[in-house]
Amino acid sequence: MKCWLTTGIAVNKMSTVSAPIYRSQTLKPVLFAALAAVLVWEVTSRTFAAFLANFAPEQALQIHSQQPTALLKLAQTKLGASDEKQARRMAEQALLSDPLNAQALRILGQIAELSKDALMAVHAGFRSLFSE
């Protein structure tokens, strides 16, 4: 009598089951449900964070820390409050999430204009795109 192992069941040549079904068959739906829950959370949190970004950027960043719109809203606020260092950091962080974001480049240009350093404006845009 030869036995083959197929899908967790050992079957002999007469096709009678000689071993119970393994737990892997009951584990698959649990893993699928866990994966589905993680994916639903990702989609929901990113969508909700994008919605909150215009109205409450601080809360949007608590949900999704790399939300570019929320980062740029706060960077614009920091720039208005003369906190150029924080505004630059937030604009560069937004560029890492969205490298072609014109608003982030505009904020970096405003910071460079305020500091009267035109070369820094160009350099800061490219540096934030290619550095980690």
C-alpha atoms as a PDB file:
ATOM      1  CA  MET A   1       0.000   0.000   0.000  1.00  0.00           C
ATOM      2  CA  LYS A   2       1.413   3.329  -1.050  1.00  0.00           C
ATOM      3  CA  CYS A   3       0.288   6.556   0.589  1.00  0.00           C
ATOM      4  CA  TRP A   4       0.164  10.009  -0.962  1.00  0.00           C
ATOM      5  CA  LEU A   5      -0.063  13.235   0.959  1.00  0.00           C
ATOM      6  CA  THR A   6      -2.523  15.555  -0.734  1.00  0.00           C
ATOM      7  CA  THR A   7      -3.847  18.732   0.888  1.00  0.00           C
ATOM      8  CA  GLY A   8      -3.114  17.523   4.381  1.00  0.00           C
ATOM      9  CA  ILE A   9      -4.834  14.141   3.999  1.00  0.00           C
ATOM     10  CA  ALA A  10      -2.902  10.921   3.676  1.00  0.00           C
ATOM     11  CA  VAL A  11      -4.732   8.668   1.227  1.00  0.00           C
ATOM     12  CA  ASN A  12      -3.857   5.051   0.596  1.00  0.00           C
ATOM     13  CA  LYS A  13      -4.214   3.309  -2.728  1.00  0.00           C
ATOM     14  CA  MET A  14      -7.767   2.205  -1.918  1.00  0.00           C
ATOM     15  CA  SER A  15      -8.642   5.879  -1.374  1.00  0.00           C
ATOM     16  CA  THR A  16      -9.649   5.581   2.230  1.00  0.00           C
ATOM     17  CA  VAL A  17      -8.719   8.445   4.480  1.00  0.00           C
ATOM     18  CA  SER A  18      -6.065   7.405   6.954  1.00  0.00           C
ATOM     19  CA  ALA A  19      -5.356  10.778   8.648  1.00  0.00           C
ATOM     20  CA  PRO A  20      -7.555  13.622   9.852  1.00  0.00           C
ATOM     21  CA  ILE A  21      -7.780  16.955   8.077  1.00  0.00           C
ATOM     22  CA  TYR A  22      -5.016  19.240   9.259  1.00  0.00           C
ATOM     23  CA  ARG A  23      -5.619  22.618  10.850  1.00  0.00           C
ATOM     24  CA  SER A  24      -4.254  24.403   7.785  1.00  0.00           C
ATOM     25  CA  GLN A  25      -7.642  24.176   6.141  1.00  0.00           C
ATOM     26  CA  THR A  26      -9.269  26.000   9.043  1.00  0.00           C
ATOM     27  CA  LEU A  27      -6.376  28.447   9.262  1.00  0.00           C
ATOM     28  CA  LYS A  28      -6.806  29.719   5.705  1.00  0.00           C
ATOM     29  CA  PRO A  29     -10.109  31.564   6.327  1.00  0.00           C
ATOM     30  CA  VAL A  30      -8.682  33.120   9.489  1.00  0.00           C
ATOM     31  CA  LEU A  31      -5.619  34.387   7.619  1.00  0.00           C
ATOM     32  CA  PHE A  32      -7.803  35.647   4.788  1.00  0.00           C
ATOM     33  CA  ALA A  33     -10.046  37.501   7.270  1.00  0.00           C
ATOM     34  CA  ALA A  34      -7.012  39.055   8.982  1.00  0.00           C
ATOM     35  CA  LEU A  35      -5.577  40.194   5.652  1.00  0.00           C
ATOM     36  CA  ALA A  36      -8.945  41.625   4.636  1.00  0.00           C
ATOM     37  CA  ALA A  37      -9.198  43.512   7.945  1.00  0.00           C
ATOM     38  CA  VAL A  38      -5.737  45.031   7.476  1.00  0.00           C
ATOM     39  CA  LEU A  39      -6.568  46.119   3.928  1.00  0.00           C
ATOM     40  CA  VAL A  40      -9.892  47.639   5.003  1.00  0.00           C
ATOM     41  CA  TRP A  41      -8.089  49.537   7.788  1.00  0.00           C
ATOM     42  CA  GLU A  42      -5.465  50.893   5.360  1.00  0.00           C
ATOM     43  CA  VAL A  43      -8.052  52.096   2.854  1.00  0.00           C
ATOM     44  CA  THR A  44     -10.316  53.580   5.513  1.00  0.00           C
ATOM     45  CA  SER A  45      -7.566  55.348   7.446  1.00  0.00           C
ATOM     46  CA  ARG A  46      -5.963  56.847   4.339  1.00  0.00           C
ATOM     47  CA  THR A  47      -9.308  58.014   2.968  1.00  0.00           C
ATOM     48  CA  PHE A  48     -10.404  59.488   6.287  1.00  0.00           C
ATOM     49  CA  ALA A  49      -7.021  61.173   6.751  1.00  0.00           C
ATOM     50  CA  ALA A  50      -7.312  62.732   3.286  1.00  0.00           C
ATOM     51  CA  PHE A  51     -10.767  64.016   4.202  1.00  0.00           C
ATOM     52  CA  LEU A  52      -9.556  65.482   7.510  1.00  0.00           C
ATOM     53  CA  ALA A  53      -6.443  67.065   5.983  1.00  0.00           C
ATOM     54  CA  ASN A  54      -8.265  70.225   4.892  1.00  0.00           C
ATOM     55  CA  PHE A  55     -10.214  70.767   8.113  1.00  0.00           C
ATOM     56  CA  ALA A  56      -8.096  69.275  10.896  1.00  0.00           C
ATOM     57  CA  PRO A  57      -4.553  68.554   9.668  1.00  0.00           C
ATOM     58  CA  GLU A  58      -3.241  67.629  13.136  1.00  0.00           C
ATOM     59  CA  GLN A  59      -5.811  64.851  13.475  1.00  0.00           C
ATOM     60  CA  ALA A  60      -5.157  63.721   9.908  1.00  0.00           C
ATOM     61  CA  LEU A  61      -1.463  63.336  10.732  1.00  0.00           C
ATOM     62  CA  GLN A  62      -2.321  61.289  13.813  1.00  0.00           C
ATOM     63  CA  ILE A  63      -4.170  58.839  11.568  1.00  0.00           C
ATOM     64  CA  HIS A  64      -1.704  58.869   8.669  1.00  0.00           C
ATOM     65  CA  SER A  65       1.620  60.533   9.442  1.00  0.00           C
ATOM     66  CA  GLN A  66       2.677  60.937   5.780  1.00  0.00           C
ATOM     67  CA  GLN A  67      -0.507  62.657   4.510  1.00  0.00           C
ATOM     68  CA  PRO A  68       0.878  65.338   2.121  1.00  0.00           C
ATOM     69  CA  THR A  69      -2.096  67.713   2.220  1.00  0.00           C
ATOM     70  CA  ALA A  70      -2.102  67.838   6.020  1.00  0.00           C
ATOM     71  CA  LEU A  71       1.674  68.313   6.104  1.00  0.00           C
ATOM     72  CA  LEU A  72       1.423  71.217   3.670  1.00  0.00           C
ATOM     73  CA  LYS A  73      -1.445  72.862   5.571  1.00  0.00           C
ATOM     74  CA  LEU A  74       0.648  72.758   8.733  1.00  0.00           C
ATOM     75  CA  ALA A  75       3.770  73.901   6.849  1.00  0.00           C
ATOM     76  CA  GLN A  76       1.852  76.912   5.551  1.00  0.00           C
ATOM     77  CA  THR A  77       0.679  77.660   9.094  1.00  0.00           C
ATOM     78  CA  LYS A  78       4.226  77.336  10.461  1.00  0.00           C
ATOM     79  CA  LEU A  79       5.535  79.590   7.698  1.00  0.00           C
ATOM     80  CA  GLY A  80       2.951  82.219   8.632  1.00  0.00           C
ATOM     81  CA  ALA A  81       4.114  81.950  12.238  1.00  0.00           C
ATOM     82  CA  SER A  82       7.762  82.485  11.153  1.00  0.00           C
ATOM     83  CA  ASP A  83       8.801  78.953  12.069  1.00  0.00           C
ATOM     84  CA  GLU A  84      10.750  78.359   8.871  1.00  0.00           C
ATOM     85  CA  LYS A  85      12.639  75.323  10.153  1.00  0.00           C
ATOM     86  CA  GLN A  86       9.441  73.374  10.917  1.00  0.00           C
ATOM     87  CA  ALA A  87       7.797  74.568   7.695  1.00  0.00           C
ATOM     88  CA  ARG A  88      10.798  73.376   5.664  1.00  0.00           C
ATOM     89  CA  ARG A  89      10.809  69.995   7.431  1.00  0.00           C
ATOM     90  CA  MET A  90       7.092  69.469   6.765  1.00  0.00           C
ATOM     91  CA  ALA A  91       7.334  70.560   3.120  1.00  0.00           C
ATOM     92  CA  GLU A  92      10.272  68.215   2.543  1.00  0.00           C
ATOM     93  CA  GLN A  93       8.374  65.385   4.230  1.00  0.00           C
ATOM     94  CA  ALA A  94       5.404  66.067   1.950  1.00  0.00           C
ATOM     95  CA  LEU A  95       7.733  65.928  -1.057  1.00  0.00           C
ATOM     96  CA  LEU A  96       8.878  62.482   0.003  1.00  0.00           C
ATOM     97  CA  SER A  97       5.269  61.290  -0.093  1.00  0.00           C
ATOM     98  CA  ASP A  98       4.401  63.171  -3.277  1.00  0.00           C
ATOM     99  CA  PRO A  99       7.574  64.148  -5.207  1.00  0.00           C
ATOM    100  CA  LEU A 100       5.789  66.294  -7.801  1.00  0.00           C
ATOM    101  CA  ASN A 101       3.730  68.336  -5.364  1.00  0.00           C
ATOM    102  CA  ALA A 102       3.829  71.940  -6.569  1.00  0.00           C
ATOM    103  CA  GLN A 103       2.560  73.356  -3.286  1.00  0.00           C
ATOM    104  CA  ALA A 104       5.467  71.818  -1.372  1.00  0.00           C
ATOM    105  CA  LEU A 105       7.948  73.260  -3.855  1.00  0.00           C
ATOM    106  CA  ARG A 106       6.203  76.643  -3.591  1.00  0.00           C
ATOM    107  CA  ILE A 107       6.536  76.597   0.207  1.00  0.00           C
ATOM    108  CA  LEU A 108      10.240  75.760  -0.093  1.00  0.00           C
ATOM    109  CA  GLY A 109      10.561  78.653  -2.552  1.00  0.00           C
ATOM    110  CA  GLN A 110       8.838  81.007  -0.123  1.00  0.00           C
ATOM    111  CA  ILE A 111      11.222  79.926   2.631  1.00  0.00           C
ATOM    112  CA  ALA A 112      14.178  80.560   0.330  1.00  0.00           C
ATOM    113  CA  GLU A 113      12.794  83.964  -0.615  1.00  0.00           C
ATOM    114  CA  LEU A 114      12.361  84.885   3.020  1.00  0.00           C
ATOM    115  CA  SER A 115      15.948  83.888   3.703  1.00  0.00           C
ATOM    116  CA  LYS A 116      17.114  85.639   0.478  1.00  0.00           C
ATOM    117  CA  ASP A 117      18.834  82.519  -0.775  1.00  0.00           C
ATOM    118  CA  ALA A 118      17.735  81.719  -4.325  1.00  0.00           C
ATOM    119  CA  LEU A 119      20.247  78.912  -4.737  1.00  0.00           C
ATOM    120  CA  MET A 120      18.907  77.260  -1.613  1.00  0.00           C
ATOM    121  CA  ALA A 121      15.424  77.221  -3.156  1.00  0.00           C
ATOM    122  CA  VAL A 122      16.533  75.140  -6.104  1.00  0.00           C
ATOM    123  CA  HIS A 123      18.875  72.992  -4.050  1.00  0.00           C
ATOM    124  CA  ALA A 124      16.301  72.322  -1.313  1.00  0.00           C
ATOM    125  CA  GLY A 125      13.757  71.055  -3.818  1.00  0.00           C
ATOM    126  CA  PHE A 126      16.167  68.591  -5.378  1.00  0.00           C
ATOM    127  CA  ARG A 127      17.808  67.621  -2.086  1.00  0.00           C
ATOM    128  CA  SER A 128      14.472  66.699  -0.534  1.00  0.00           C
ATOM    129  CA  LEU A 129      13.583  64.603  -3.560  1.00  0.00           C
ATOM    130  CA  PHE A 130      16.777  62.556  -3.619  1.00  0.00           C
ATOM    131  CA  SER A 131      17.849  62.323   0.017  1.00  0.00           C
ATOM    132  CA  GLU A 132      16.450  60.054   2.679  1.00  0.00           C
END
